[in-house]
Amino acid sequence: MCVGLPAKVKQVEDGMAVIDAHGAKRTVSAALIADLEPGDFVMVHAGAAIAKISGADEEEAEDILDAVL
């Protein structure tokens, strides 16, 4: 089973995004998502932001991470 994790975008530059997933910061590809901005929440899988999570807030993302970790 493949699992994507929600993360908050901290920085976007040159097709890459720095994300924060439950305190772990990583750089992932942002090439699949147009108009990604800091503060957005994304689903991350295999080193890439694969979808923007619309309407998500930090508490909801943390709840999802707590459930899967």
C-alpha atoms as a PDB file:
ATOM      1  CA  MET A   1       0.000   0.000   0.000  1.00  0.00           C
ATOM      2  CA  CYS A   2       1.255   3.471  -0.864  1.00  0.00           C
ATOM      3  CA  VAL A   3       0.782   6.247   1.652  1.00  0.00           C
ATOM      4  CA  GLY A   4       0.866   9.967   0.983  1.00  0.00           C
ATOM      5  CA  LEU A   5       1.424  12.315   3.885  1.00  0.00           C
ATOM      6  CA  PRO A   6       0.047  15.820   4.318  1.00  0.00           C
ATOM      7  CA  ALA A   7       2.558  18.622   4.719  1.00  0.00           C
ATOM      8  CA  LYS A   8       2.642  22.402   4.863  1.00  0.00           C
ATOM      9  CA  VAL A   9       4.566  24.247   2.165  1.00  0.00           C
ATOM     10  CA  LYS A  10       7.186  26.550   3.616  1.00  0.00           C
ATOM     11  CA  GLN A  11       8.976  27.730   0.446  1.00  0.00           C
ATOM     12  CA  VAL A  12       8.646  27.267  -3.329  1.00  0.00           C
ATOM     13  CA  GLU A  13      11.475  27.926  -5.763  1.00  0.00           C
ATOM     14  CA  ASP A  14      12.501  26.570  -9.168  1.00  0.00           C
ATOM     15  CA  GLY A  15       9.988  23.702  -9.235  1.00  0.00           C
ATOM     16  CA  MET A  16      10.898  22.513  -5.748  1.00  0.00           C
ATOM     17  CA  ALA A  17       9.131  23.032  -2.432  1.00  0.00           C
ATOM     18  CA  VAL A  18      10.392  22.932   1.123  1.00  0.00           C
ATOM     19  CA  ILE A  19       7.673  21.232   3.163  1.00  0.00           C
ATOM     20  CA  ASP A  20       7.111  20.638   6.868  1.00  0.00           C
ATOM     21  CA  ALA A  21       5.539  17.286   7.707  1.00  0.00           C
ATOM     22  CA  HIS A  22       4.958  17.015  11.434  1.00  0.00           C
ATOM     23  CA  GLY A  23       8.215  18.857  12.176  1.00  0.00           C
ATOM     24  CA  ALA A  24      10.286  17.071   9.531  1.00  0.00           C
ATOM     25  CA  LYS A  25      11.406  19.460   6.807  1.00  0.00           C
ATOM     26  CA  ARG A  26      12.154  18.081   3.350  1.00  0.00           C
ATOM     27  CA  THR A  27      12.601  19.348  -0.174  1.00  0.00           C
ATOM     28  CA  VAL A  28      10.235  17.763  -2.693  1.00  0.00           C
ATOM     29  CA  SER A  29       9.316  18.279  -6.318  1.00  0.00           C
ATOM     30  CA  ALA A  30       6.521  20.787  -6.873  1.00  0.00           C
ATOM     31  CA  ALA A  31       6.335  20.192 -10.637  1.00  0.00           C
ATOM     32  CA  LEU A  32       2.931  18.480 -10.536  1.00  0.00           C
ATOM     33  CA  ILE A  33       1.094  21.383  -8.891  1.00  0.00           C
ATOM     34  CA  ALA A  34       0.584  24.765 -10.520  1.00  0.00           C
ATOM     35  CA  ASP A  35       0.395  27.926  -8.376  1.00  0.00           C
ATOM     36  CA  LEU A  36       1.765  26.334  -5.206  1.00  0.00           C
ATOM     37  CA  GLU A  37       2.451  28.910  -2.498  1.00  0.00           C
ATOM     38  CA  PRO A  38       3.877  28.945   1.026  1.00  0.00           C
ATOM     39  CA  GLY A  39       1.129  28.142   3.512  1.00  0.00           C
ATOM     40  CA  ASP A  40      -0.616  25.655   1.203  1.00  0.00           C
ATOM     41  CA  PHE A  41      -1.092  22.084   2.376  1.00  0.00           C
ATOM     42  CA  VAL A  42      -0.153  19.272   0.010  1.00  0.00           C
ATOM     43  CA  MET A  43      -0.173  15.500  -0.124  1.00  0.00           C
ATOM     44  CA  VAL A  44       3.410  14.228  -0.532  1.00  0.00           C
ATOM     45  CA  HIS A  45       4.403  10.837  -1.926  1.00  0.00           C
ATOM     46  CA  ALA A  46       7.745   9.495  -3.183  1.00  0.00           C
ATOM     47  CA  GLY A  47       9.497  12.859  -3.022  1.00  0.00           C
ATOM     48  CA  ALA A  48       6.814  14.839  -4.841  1.00  0.00           C
ATOM     49  CA  ALA A  49       3.902  17.038  -3.864  1.00  0.00           C
ATOM     50  CA  ILE A  50       1.124  15.186  -5.701  1.00  0.00           C
ATOM     51  CA  ALA A  51      -1.983  17.188  -4.761  1.00  0.00           C
ATOM     52  CA  LYS A  52      -2.990  20.379  -3.029  1.00  0.00           C
ATOM     53  CA  ILE A  53      -5.275  19.803  -0.045  1.00  0.00           C
ATOM     54  CA  SER A  54      -7.982  22.423  -0.395  1.00  0.00           C
ATOM     55  CA  GLY A  55      -9.513  23.836   2.748  1.00  0.00           C
ATOM     56  CA  ALA A  56      -7.075  22.008   5.017  1.00  0.00           C
ATOM     57  CA  ASP A  57      -5.677  23.668   8.072  1.00  0.00           C
ATOM     58  CA  GLU A  58      -2.714  22.819  10.233  1.00  0.00           C
ATOM     59  CA  GLU A  59      -4.778  21.026  12.889  1.00  0.00           C
ATOM     60  CA  GLU A  60      -6.426  18.759  10.301  1.00  0.00           C
ATOM     61  CA  ALA A  61      -3.056  17.930   8.719  1.00  0.00           C
ATOM     62  CA  GLU A  62      -1.566  17.106  12.135  1.00  0.00           C
ATOM     63  CA  ASP A  63      -4.552  14.832  12.914  1.00  0.00           C
ATOM     64  CA  ILE A  64      -3.974  12.942   9.657  1.00  0.00           C
ATOM     65  CA  LEU A  65      -0.260  12.569  10.380  1.00  0.00           C
ATOM     66  CA  ASP A  66      -0.965  11.333  13.923  1.00  0.00           C
ATOM     67  CA  ALA A  67      -3.309   8.703  12.513  1.00  0.00           C
ATOM     68  CA  VAL A  68      -0.805   7.300  10.005  1.00  0.00           C
ATOM     69  CA  LEU A  69       2.434   7.560  11.982  1.00  0.00           C
END
